[in-house]
Amino acid sequence: MVVDEKRVREIVREELETFLVKSLAESLKELHSISQDFREQQKDYDKKFEEIGKELAGLREITGNLVKSSEENTKAIAELRKMTEENTKAIIELRKQTEENTELRKMTEENTKAIIELRKQTEENTKAIAELRKMTEENTKAIIRLTKIVDKLVKSVSALNERVSGLENTFGLMTEEIIRRDFPAWLKNQGIDVSKVSGKTIKFGKKNLEFDVFLEYNNKVYLGEVKATLRERDVKRFYAKVEMVKKVFRDKEIIPIIIFRLRAKGEIPIRLAKNYGIKVLKYLKGGEFDER
């Protein structure tokens, strides 16, 4: 029995494509699920931060009032001390004249009562100050507890960001492999018949310039950058790398290409790339490339 090698290769390729598409779909589904979980957690964190902010604002207001009351009480105590000293001097003077003037005795008694009242008020103010200090200490402890809660929330968000970042890197590598696999078909439409393309790191001075797609064909050099989502900053960074590579391949025609998988952040990145002379391709399902 003669084995049809071409058919076998087609079957193997179909199985690989099916497996890769299925794996990509599952990865996208998991990424979408994680993104939804992250958004829900982010809402909870935002709500908690808002509540914490309100509590902190309340604590600041209470502390401000406590400080203000403490300053007012301190001034009152100073004033009472001053009055006490003045009354004491007056009592001494009154005692000297007590034997000669009965009216002075009466004034002395009244001043003595006033002094007793002032002392009583001073004691009450002292107790109030002690109570204010106690409240301030409790508020300080509450702020420390809130700070610990905020630190835990920040650590949780950081851990979640690392997990999402890891999934994005995995998805990016899968996207690059799939696009490199199907890119020769697009090149064939440009009159270039190659079986495969690969990535390449080009050294320029002390810098290592990485390109997801690299093909040197006759007097042309094709440089490709693969992005899941195309942003304006991606275009600017790619353009800067291309300009440096032009100095390496001075006698070659450089053809820069940006390929994005999901979407572009508006029309600005696409217009900017065209102004820089960069081709923009969108990778479509089924291995097709749509030039924008």
C-alpha atoms as a PDB file:
ATOM      1  CA  MET A   1       0.000   0.000   0.000  1.00  0.00           C
ATOM      2  CA  VAL A   2       1.481   3.372  -1.088  1.00  0.00           C
ATOM      3  CA  VAL A   3       1.335   6.079   1.583  1.00  0.00           C
ATOM      4  CA  ASP A   4       0.212   9.447   0.278  1.00  0.00           C
ATOM      5  CA  GLU A   5       2.760  11.655   2.055  1.00  0.00           C
ATOM      6  CA  LYS A   6       1.075  14.866   0.946  1.00  0.00           C
ATOM      7  CA  ARG A   7      -2.240  13.726   2.412  1.00  0.00           C
ATOM      8  CA  VAL A   8      -0.524  12.641   5.621  1.00  0.00           C
ATOM      9  CA  ARG A   9       1.068  16.069   5.941  1.00  0.00           C
ATOM     10  CA  GLU A  10      -2.273  17.762   5.362  1.00  0.00           C
ATOM     11  CA  ILE A  11      -3.908  15.584   8.027  1.00  0.00           C
ATOM     12  CA  VAL A  12      -1.112  16.331  10.497  1.00  0.00           C
ATOM     13  CA  ARG A  13      -1.334  20.048   9.751  1.00  0.00           C
ATOM     14  CA  GLU A  14      -5.129  20.030  10.162  1.00  0.00           C
ATOM     15  CA  GLU A  15      -4.798  18.240  13.495  1.00  0.00           C
ATOM     16  CA  LEU A  16      -2.144  20.694  14.667  1.00  0.00           C
ATOM     17  CA  GLU A  17      -4.225  23.684  13.605  1.00  0.00           C
ATOM     18  CA  THR A  18      -7.283  22.246  15.345  1.00  0.00           C
ATOM     19  CA  PHE A  19      -5.257  21.645  18.499  1.00  0.00           C
ATOM     20  CA  LEU A  20      -3.699  25.128  18.416  1.00  0.00           C
ATOM     21  CA  VAL A  21      -7.018  26.872  17.764  1.00  0.00           C
ATOM     22  CA  LYS A  22      -8.667  24.878  20.560  1.00  0.00           C
ATOM     23  CA  SER A  23      -5.782  25.695  22.925  1.00  0.00           C
ATOM     24  CA  LEU A  24      -5.959  29.364  21.968  1.00  0.00           C
ATOM     25  CA  ALA A  25      -9.728  29.438  22.510  1.00  0.00           C
ATOM     26  CA  GLU A  26      -9.333  27.850  25.930  1.00  0.00           C
ATOM     27  CA  SER A  27      -6.577  30.319  26.825  1.00  0.00           C
ATOM     28  CA  LEU A  28      -8.741  33.242  25.695  1.00  0.00           C
ATOM     29  CA  LYS A  29     -11.664  31.904  27.692  1.00  0.00           C
ATOM     30  CA  GLU A  30      -9.499  31.556  30.798  1.00  0.00           C
ATOM     31  CA  LEU A  31      -8.024  35.038  30.238  1.00  0.00           C
ATOM     32  CA  HIS A  32     -11.527  36.466  29.877  1.00  0.00           C
ATOM     33  CA  SER A  33     -12.621  34.721  33.083  1.00  0.00           C
ATOM     34  CA  ILE A  34      -9.582  35.999  34.958  1.00  0.00           C
ATOM     35  CA  SER A  35     -10.181  39.515  33.609  1.00  0.00           C
ATOM     36  CA  GLN A  36     -13.785  39.385  34.857  1.00  0.00           C
ATOM     37  CA  ASP A  37     -12.614  38.171  38.276  1.00  0.00           C
ATOM     38  CA  PHE A  38     -10.034  40.929  38.322  1.00  0.00           C
ATOM     39  CA  ARG A  39     -12.662  43.566  37.479  1.00  0.00           C
ATOM     40  CA  GLU A  40     -14.941  42.290  40.266  1.00  0.00           C
ATOM     41  CA  GLN A  41     -12.073  42.293  42.746  1.00  0.00           C
ATOM     42  CA  GLN A  42     -11.035  45.740  41.542  1.00  0.00           C
ATOM     43  CA  LYS A  43     -14.570  47.028  42.240  1.00  0.00           C
ATOM     44  CA  ASP A  44     -14.426  45.563  45.751  1.00  0.00           C
ATOM     45  CA  TYR A  45     -10.992  47.095  46.290  1.00  0.00           C
ATOM     46  CA  ASP A  46     -12.191  50.482  45.008  1.00  0.00           C
ATOM     47  CA  LYS A  47     -15.183  50.308  47.357  1.00  0.00           C
ATOM     48  CA  LYS A  48     -12.971  49.349  50.300  1.00  0.00           C
ATOM     49  CA  PHE A  49     -10.492  52.111  49.470  1.00  0.00           C
ATOM     50  CA  GLU A  50     -13.357  54.593  49.305  1.00  0.00           C
ATOM     51  CA  GLU A  51     -14.672  53.439  52.709  1.00  0.00           C
ATOM     52  CA  ILE A  52     -11.177  53.590  54.167  1.00  0.00           C
ATOM     53  CA  GLY A  53     -10.748  57.090  52.720  1.00  0.00           C
ATOM     54  CA  LYS A  54     -13.988  58.234  54.373  1.00  0.00           C
ATOM     55  CA  GLU A  55     -12.933  56.720  57.707  1.00  0.00           C
ATOM     56  CA  LEU A  56      -9.513  58.365  57.453  1.00  0.00           C
ATOM     57  CA  ALA A  57     -11.142  61.713  56.642  1.00  0.00           C
ATOM     58  CA  GLY A  58     -13.362  61.279  59.712  1.00  0.00           C
ATOM     59  CA  LEU A  59     -10.355  60.422  61.840  1.00  0.00           C
ATOM     60  CA  ARG A  60      -8.468  63.460  60.548  1.00  0.00           C
ATOM     61  CA  GLU A  61     -11.436  65.679  61.424  1.00  0.00           C
ATOM     62  CA  ILE A  62     -11.702  64.171  64.926  1.00  0.00           C
ATOM     63  CA  THR A  63      -7.959  64.522  65.476  1.00  0.00           C
ATOM     64  CA  GLY A  64      -8.084  68.142  64.292  1.00  0.00           C
ATOM     65  CA  ASN A  65     -10.914  68.883  66.679  1.00  0.00           C
ATOM     66  CA  LEU A  66      -9.018  67.165  69.500  1.00  0.00           C
ATOM     67  CA  VAL A  67      -5.911  69.212  68.806  1.00  0.00           C
ATOM     68  CA  LYS A  68      -7.961  72.390  68.621  1.00  0.00           C
ATOM     69  CA  SER A  69      -9.744  71.583  71.914  1.00  0.00           C
ATOM     70  CA  SER A  70      -6.425  70.711  73.534  1.00  0.00           C
ATOM     71  CA  GLU A  71      -4.946  74.064  72.481  1.00  0.00           C
ATOM     72  CA  GLU A  72      -7.992  75.928  73.749  1.00  0.00           C
ATOM     73  CA  ASN A  73      -7.842  74.091  77.096  1.00  0.00           C
ATOM     74  CA  THR A  74      -4.122  74.827  77.389  1.00  0.00           C
ATOM     75  CA  LYS A  75      -4.826  78.534  76.853  1.00  0.00           C
ATOM     76  CA  ALA A  76      -7.642  78.385  79.427  1.00  0.00           C
ATOM     77  CA  ILE A  77      -5.334  76.720  81.968  1.00  0.00           C
ATOM     78  CA  ALA A  78      -2.689  79.389  81.403  1.00  0.00           C
ATOM     79  CA  GLU A  79      -5.314  82.059  81.838  1.00  0.00           C
ATOM     80  CA  LEU A  80      -6.570  80.374  85.039  1.00  0.00           C
ATOM     81  CA  ARG A  81      -3.055  80.204  86.419  1.00  0.00           C
ATOM     82  CA  LYS A  82      -2.562  83.848  85.661  1.00  0.00           C
ATOM     83  CA  MET A  83      -5.850  84.695  87.381  1.00  0.00           C
ATOM     84  CA  THR A  84      -4.916  82.477  90.337  1.00  0.00           C
ATOM     85  CA  GLU A  85      -1.648  84.298  90.762  1.00  0.00           C
ATOM     86  CA  GLU A  86      -3.386  87.636  90.561  1.00  0.00           C
ATOM     87  CA  ASN A  87      -6.022  86.541  93.101  1.00  0.00           C
ATOM     88  CA  THR A  88      -3.344  85.244  95.434  1.00  0.00           C
ATOM     89  CA  LYS A  89      -1.638  88.617  95.340  1.00  0.00           C
ATOM     90  CA  ALA A  90      -4.988  90.278  95.973  1.00  0.00           C
ATOM     91  CA  ILE A  91      -5.645  87.989  98.964  1.00  0.00           C
ATOM     92  CA  ILE A  92      -2.311  88.932 100.504  1.00  0.00           C
ATOM     93  CA  GLU A  93      -3.118  92.594 100.070  1.00  0.00           C
ATOM     94  CA  LEU A  94      -6.611  92.113 101.489  1.00  0.00           C
ATOM     95  CA  ARG A  95      -5.287  90.330 104.550  1.00  0.00           C
ATOM     96  CA  LYS A  96      -3.111  93.351 105.338  1.00  0.00           C
ATOM     97  CA  GLN A  97      -6.161  95.580 105.325  1.00  0.00           C
ATOM     98  CA  THR A  98      -8.588  93.149 106.984  1.00  0.00           C
ATOM     99  CA  GLU A  99      -8.136  94.571 110.487  1.00  0.00           C
ATOM    100  CA  GLU A 100      -8.989  98.091 109.329  1.00  0.00           C
ATOM    101  CA  ASN A 101     -11.827  97.391 106.877  1.00  0.00           C
ATOM    102  CA  THR A 102     -14.674  94.907 107.304  1.00  0.00           C
ATOM    103  CA  GLU A 103     -15.622  95.346 103.694  1.00  0.00           C
ATOM    104  CA  LEU A 104     -12.272  94.026 102.695  1.00  0.00           C
ATOM    105  CA  ARG A 105     -12.953  90.828 104.651  1.00  0.00           C
ATOM    106  CA  LYS A 106     -16.119  90.318 102.652  1.00  0.00           C
ATOM    107  CA  MET A 107     -14.206  90.846  99.418  1.00  0.00           C
ATOM    108  CA  THR A 108     -11.604  88.382 100.629  1.00  0.00           C
ATOM    109  CA  GLU A 109     -14.257  85.734 101.203  1.00  0.00           C
ATOM    110  CA  GLU A 110     -15.696  86.346  97.744  1.00  0.00           C
ATOM    111  CA  ASN A 111     -12.250  86.125  96.173  1.00  0.00           C
ATOM    112  CA  THR A 112     -11.574  82.936  98.120  1.00  0.00           C
ATOM    113  CA  LYS A 113     -14.775  81.429  96.715  1.00  0.00           C
ATOM    114  CA  ALA A 114     -13.718  82.536  93.247  1.00  0.00           C
ATOM    115  CA  ILE A 115     -10.344  80.875  93.719  1.00  0.00           C
ATOM    116  CA  ILE A 116     -12.024  77.646  94.840  1.00  0.00           C
ATOM    117  CA  GLU A 117     -14.277  77.778  91.779  1.00  0.00           C
ATOM    118  CA  LEU A 118     -11.314  78.411  89.527  1.00  0.00           C
ATOM    119  CA  ARG A 119      -9.450  75.467  91.041  1.00  0.00           C
ATOM    120  CA  LYS A 120     -12.494  73.253  90.457  1.00  0.00           C
ATOM    121  CA  GLN A 121     -12.744  74.402  86.852  1.00  0.00           C
ATOM    122  CA  THR A 122      -9.007  73.778  86.388  1.00  0.00           C
ATOM    123  CA  GLU A 123      -9.413  70.194  87.641  1.00  0.00           C
ATOM    124  CA  GLU A 124     -12.318  69.629  85.245  1.00  0.00           C
ATOM    125  CA  ASN A 125     -10.243  70.992  82.345  1.00  0.00           C
ATOM    126  CA  THR A 126      -7.365  68.711  83.312  1.00  0.00           C
ATOM    127  CA  LYS A 127      -9.678  65.693  83.233  1.00  0.00           C
ATOM    128  CA  ALA A 128     -11.020  66.790  79.834  1.00  0.00           C
ATOM    129  CA  ILE A 129      -7.467  67.031  78.487  1.00  0.00           C
ATOM    130  CA  ALA A 130      -6.685  63.532  79.776  1.00  0.00           C
ATOM    131  CA  GLU A 131      -9.827  62.207  78.045  1.00  0.00           C
ATOM    132  CA  LEU A 132      -8.852  63.919  74.807  1.00  0.00           C
ATOM    133  CA  ARG A 133      -5.401  62.334  74.967  1.00  0.00           C
ATOM    134  CA  LYS A 134      -6.989  58.915  75.460  1.00  0.00           C
ATOM    135  CA  MET A 135      -9.270  59.424  72.440  1.00  0.00           C
ATOM    136  CA  THR A 136      -6.274  60.521  70.349  1.00  0.00           C
ATOM    137  CA  GLU A 137      -4.377  57.334  71.259  1.00  0.00           C
ATOM    138  CA  GLU A 138      -7.386  55.171  70.273  1.00  0.00           C
ATOM    139  CA  ASN A 139      -7.684  56.996  66.942  1.00  0.00           C
ATOM    140  CA  THR A 140      -3.970  56.429  66.299  1.00  0.00           C
ATOM    141  CA  LYS A 141      -4.434  52.688  66.884  1.00  0.00           C
ATOM    142  CA  ALA A 142      -7.392  52.662  64.472  1.00  0.00           C
ATOM    143  CA  ILE A 143      -5.288  54.382  61.785  1.00  0.00           C
ATOM    144  CA  ILE A 144      -2.533  51.764  62.243  1.00  0.00           C
ATOM    145  CA  ARG A 145      -5.076  48.948  61.784  1.00  0.00           C
ATOM    146  CA  LEU A 146      -6.446  50.605  58.636  1.00  0.00           C
ATOM    147  CA  THR A 147      -2.918  50.986  57.268  1.00  0.00           C
ATOM    148  CA  LYS A 148      -2.309  47.242  57.715  1.00  0.00           C
ATOM    149  CA  ILE A 149      -5.561  46.460  55.885  1.00  0.00           C
ATOM    150  CA  VAL A 150      -4.548  48.723  52.975  1.00  0.00           C
ATOM    151  CA  ASP A 151      -1.121  47.024  52.782  1.00  0.00           C
ATOM    152  CA  LYS A 152      -2.797  43.606  52.504  1.00  0.00           C
ATOM    153  CA  LEU A 153      -5.074  44.888  49.720  1.00  0.00           C
ATOM    154  CA  VAL A 154      -2.089  46.292  47.802  1.00  0.00           C
ATOM    155  CA  LYS A 155      -0.277  42.946  48.053  1.00  0.00           C
ATOM    156  CA  SER A 156      -3.378  41.086  46.806  1.00  0.00           C
ATOM    157  CA  VAL A 157      -3.711  43.406  43.793  1.00  0.00           C
ATOM    158  CA  SER A 158       0.013  43.003  42.985  1.00  0.00           C
ATOM    159  CA  ALA A 159      -0.296  39.203  43.067  1.00  0.00           C
ATOM    160  CA  LEU A 160      -3.303  39.328  40.745  1.00  0.00           C
ATOM    161  CA  ASN A 161      -1.461  41.641  38.333  1.00  0.00           C
ATOM    162  CA  GLU A 162       1.450  39.190  38.179  1.00  0.00           C
ATOM    163  CA  ARG A 163      -0.924  36.332  37.356  1.00  0.00           C
ATOM    164  CA  VAL A 164      -2.617  38.295  34.564  1.00  0.00           C
ATOM    165  CA  SER A 165       0.782  39.385  33.230  1.00  0.00           C
ATOM    166  CA  GLY A 166       1.896  35.740  33.057  1.00  0.00           C
ATOM    167  CA  LEU A 167      -1.193  34.778  31.068  1.00  0.00           C
ATOM    168  CA  GLU A 168      -0.654  37.717  28.702  1.00  0.00           C
ATOM    169  CA  ASN A 169       2.939  36.597  28.054  1.00  0.00           C
ATOM    170  CA  THR A 170       1.787  33.032  27.326  1.00  0.00           C
ATOM    171  CA  PHE A 171      -0.908  34.292  24.973  1.00  0.00           C
ATOM    172  CA  GLY A 172       1.611  36.580  23.245  1.00  0.00           C
ATOM    173  CA  LEU A 173       4.038  33.712  22.574  1.00  0.00           C
ATOM    174  CA  MET A 174       1.250  31.543  21.150  1.00  0.00           C
ATOM    175  CA  THR A 175       0.130  34.402  18.904  1.00  0.00           C
ATOM    176  CA  GLU A 176       3.668  34.919  17.576  1.00  0.00           C
ATOM    177  CA  GLU A 177       4.059  31.223  16.712  1.00  0.00           C
ATOM    178  CA  ILE A 178       0.724  31.065  14.888  1.00  0.00           C
ATOM    179  CA  ILE A 179       1.425  34.228  12.870  1.00  0.00           C
ATOM    180  CA  ARG A 180       4.937  33.053  11.913  1.00  0.00           C
ATOM    181  CA  ARG A 181       3.411  29.770  10.753  1.00  0.00           C
ATOM    182  CA  ASP A 182       0.875  31.458   8.447  1.00  0.00           C
ATOM    183  CA  PHE A 183       2.964  34.449   7.324  1.00  0.00           C
ATOM    184  CA  PRO A 184       4.610  32.652   4.356  1.00  0.00           C
ATOM    185  CA  ALA A 185       1.168  32.520   2.698  1.00  0.00           C
ATOM    186  CA  TRP A 186       0.978  36.338   2.775  1.00  0.00           C
ATOM    187  CA  LEU A 187       4.537  36.592   1.464  1.00  0.00           C
ATOM    188  CA  LYS A 188       3.640  34.263  -1.397  1.00  0.00           C
ATOM    189  CA  ASN A 189       0.976  36.769  -2.485  1.00  0.00           C
ATOM    190  CA  GLN A 190       3.791  39.339  -2.582  1.00  0.00           C
ATOM    191  CA  GLY A 191       5.765  37.111  -4.926  1.00  0.00           C
ATOM    192  CA  ILE A 192       8.049  35.623  -2.264  1.00  0.00           C
ATOM    193  CA  ASP A 193       8.053  31.836  -1.999  1.00  0.00           C
ATOM    194  CA  VAL A 194       9.450  30.736   1.377  1.00  0.00           C
ATOM    195  CA  SER A 195       8.479  27.789   3.545  1.00  0.00           C
ATOM    196  CA  LYS A 196       8.829  29.488   6.927  1.00  0.00           C
ATOM    197  CA  VAL A 197       9.916  32.620   8.760  1.00  0.00           C
ATOM    198  CA  SER A 198      11.367  33.089  12.216  1.00  0.00           C
ATOM    199  CA  GLY A 199      12.195  35.801  14.725  1.00  0.00           C
ATOM    200  CA  LYS A 200      15.614  37.402  15.055  1.00  0.00           C
ATOM    201  CA  THR A 201      17.672  39.517  17.442  1.00  0.00           C
ATOM    202  CA  ILE A 202      19.844  42.124  15.685  1.00  0.00           C
ATOM    203  CA  LYS A 203      22.719  43.740  17.565  1.00  0.00           C
ATOM    204  CA  PHE A 204      23.052  47.496  17.171  1.00  0.00           C
ATOM    205  CA  GLY A 205      25.863  48.915  19.265  1.00  0.00           C
ATOM    206  CA  LYS A 206      25.160  47.833  22.842  1.00  0.00           C
ATOM    207  CA  LYS A 207      21.466  47.226  22.118  1.00  0.00           C
ATOM    208  CA  ASN A 208      19.792  43.946  21.146  1.00  0.00           C
ATOM    209  CA  LEU A 209      16.850  44.660  18.836  1.00  0.00           C
ATOM    210  CA  GLU A 210      14.302  41.824  18.861  1.00  0.00           C
ATOM    211  CA  PHE A 211      11.923  41.229  15.948  1.00  0.00           C
ATOM    212  CA  ASP A 212       9.094  38.664  15.969  1.00  0.00           C
ATOM    213  CA  VAL A 213       9.347  38.169  12.190  1.00  0.00           C
ATOM    214  CA  PHE A 214      12.552  38.457  10.148  1.00  0.00           C
ATOM    215  CA  LEU A 215      13.150  37.563   6.515  1.00  0.00           C
ATOM    216  CA  GLU A 216      16.036  38.600   4.285  1.00  0.00           C
ATOM    217  CA  TYR A 217      15.089  37.986   0.657  1.00  0.00           C
ATOM    218  CA  ASN A 218      17.259  39.208  -2.244  1.00  0.00           C
ATOM    219  CA  ASN A 219      17.782  42.952  -1.610  1.00  0.00           C
ATOM    220  CA  LYS A 220      14.852  43.262   0.841  1.00  0.00           C
ATOM    221  CA  VAL A 221      14.618  42.763   4.597  1.00  0.00           C
ATOM    222  CA  TYR A 222      11.180  42.151   6.108  1.00  0.00           C
ATOM    223  CA  LEU A 223      10.894  43.126   9.798  1.00  0.00           C
ATOM    224  CA  GLY A 224       7.730  42.173  11.661  1.00  0.00           C
ATOM    225  CA  GLU A 225       6.326  43.087  15.091  1.00  0.00           C
ATOM    226  CA  VAL A 226       3.417  41.014  16.500  1.00  0.00           C
ATOM    227  CA  LYS A 227       0.957  42.587  18.959  1.00  0.00           C
ATOM    228  CA  ALA A 228      -2.251  41.231  20.436  1.00  0.00           C
ATOM    229  CA  THR A 229      -3.620  44.786  20.742  1.00  0.00           C
ATOM    230  CA  LEU A 230      -2.072  47.624  18.721  1.00  0.00           C
ATOM    231  CA  ARG A 231      -1.349  50.840  20.644  1.00  0.00           C
ATOM    232  CA  GLU A 232       0.244  54.127  19.678  1.00  0.00           C
ATOM    233  CA  ARG A 233       3.301  53.473  21.870  1.00  0.00           C
ATOM    234  CA  ASP A 234       3.845  50.118  20.090  1.00  0.00           C
ATOM    235  CA  VAL A 235       4.107  51.906  16.741  1.00  0.00           C
ATOM    236  CA  LYS A 236       6.585  54.476  18.058  1.00  0.00           C
ATOM    237  CA  ARG A 237       8.838  51.833  19.663  1.00  0.00           C
ATOM    238  CA  PHE A 238       8.817  49.657  16.534  1.00  0.00           C
ATOM    239  CA  TYR A 239       9.615  52.647  14.318  1.00  0.00           C
ATOM    240  CA  ALA A 240      12.613  53.510  16.533  1.00  0.00           C
ATOM    241  CA  LYS A 241      13.955  49.936  16.187  1.00  0.00           C
ATOM    242  CA  VAL A 242      13.461  49.965  12.408  1.00  0.00           C
ATOM    243  CA  GLU A 243      15.402  53.223  12.080  1.00  0.00           C
ATOM    244  CA  MET A 244      18.357  51.656  13.894  1.00  0.00           C
ATOM    245  CA  VAL A 245      18.236  48.502  11.732  1.00  0.00           C
ATOM    246  CA  LYS A 246      18.382  50.636   8.581  1.00  0.00           C
ATOM    247  CA  LYS A 247      21.914  51.586   9.632  1.00  0.00           C
ATOM    248  CA  VAL A 248      22.845  47.891   9.852  1.00  0.00           C
ATOM    249  CA  PHE A 249      21.414  46.928   6.412  1.00  0.00           C
ATOM    250  CA  ARG A 250      22.457  50.048   4.521  1.00  0.00           C
ATOM    251  CA  ASP A 251      22.360  48.365   1.102  1.00  0.00           C
ATOM    252  CA  LYS A 252      18.972  46.667   1.656  1.00  0.00           C
ATOM    253  CA  GLU A 253      15.379  47.847   1.323  1.00  0.00           C
ATOM    254  CA  ILE A 254      13.743  47.628   4.768  1.00  0.00           C
ATOM    255  CA  ILE A 255      10.050  46.673   4.801  1.00  0.00           C
ATOM    256  CA  PRO A 256       8.595  47.125   8.314  1.00  0.00           C
ATOM    257  CA  ILE A 257       5.324  45.355   9.142  1.00  0.00           C
ATOM    258  CA  ILE A 258       3.169  45.437  12.273  1.00  0.00           C
ATOM    259  CA  ILE A 259       0.722  42.545  12.728  1.00  0.00           C
ATOM    260  CA  PHE A 260      -1.985  42.742  15.399  1.00  0.00           C
ATOM    261  CA  ARG A 261      -4.281  39.913  16.474  1.00  0.00           C
ATOM    262  CA  LEU A 262      -7.261  41.311  18.380  1.00  0.00           C
ATOM    263  CA  ARG A 263      -7.828  45.018  17.844  1.00  0.00           C
ATOM    264  CA  ALA A 264      -6.242  48.447  17.524  1.00  0.00           C
ATOM    265  CA  LYS A 265      -6.684  51.173  20.122  1.00  0.00           C
ATOM    266  CA  GLY A 266      -8.555  53.485  17.754  1.00  0.00           C
ATOM    267  CA  GLU A 267      -7.407  54.745  14.353  1.00  0.00           C
ATOM    268  CA  ILE A 268      -4.425  56.766  15.624  1.00  0.00           C
ATOM    269  CA  PRO A 269      -1.951  53.829  15.784  1.00  0.00           C
ATOM    270  CA  ILE A 270      -2.838  52.744  12.225  1.00  0.00           C
ATOM    271  CA  ARG A 271      -2.540  56.275  10.792  1.00  0.00           C
ATOM    272  CA  LEU A 272       0.729  56.832  12.654  1.00  0.00           C
ATOM    273  CA  ALA A 273       2.202  53.578  11.310  1.00  0.00           C
ATOM    274  CA  LYS A 274       1.292  54.505   7.728  1.00  0.00           C
ATOM    275  CA  ASN A 275       2.898  57.935   8.187  1.00  0.00           C
ATOM    276  CA  TYR A 276       6.075  56.120   9.273  1.00  0.00           C
ATOM    277  CA  GLY A 277       5.913  53.893   6.176  1.00  0.00           C
ATOM    278  CA  ILE A 278       4.980  50.796   8.178  1.00  0.00           C
ATOM    279  CA  LYS A 279       2.551  48.222   6.780  1.00  0.00           C
ATOM    280  CA  VAL A 280      -0.277  47.300   9.187  1.00  0.00           C
ATOM    281  CA  LEU A 281      -1.804  43.809   8.958  1.00  0.00           C
ATOM    282  CA  LYS A 282      -4.565  42.292  11.023  1.00  0.00           C
ATOM    283  CA  TYR A 283      -4.380  38.524  11.487  1.00  0.00           C
ATOM    284  CA  LEU A 284      -7.817  37.015  10.862  1.00  0.00           C
ATOM    285  CA  LYS A 285      -9.218  33.670  11.847  1.00  0.00           C
ATOM    286  CA  GLY A 286      -8.247  30.999   9.345  1.00  0.00           C
ATOM    287  CA  GLY A 287      -4.733  32.288   8.761  1.00  0.00           C
ATOM    288  CA  GLU A 288      -5.573  35.294   6.563  1.00  0.00           C
ATOM    289  CA  PHE A 289      -3.980  38.762   6.805  1.00  0.00           C
ATOM    290  CA  ASP A 290      -6.002  41.925   6.178  1.00  0.00           C
ATOM    291  CA  GLU A 291      -3.950  45.016   5.307  1.00  0.00           C
ATOM    292  CA  ARG A 292      -5.306  48.156   6.963  1.00  0.00           C
END
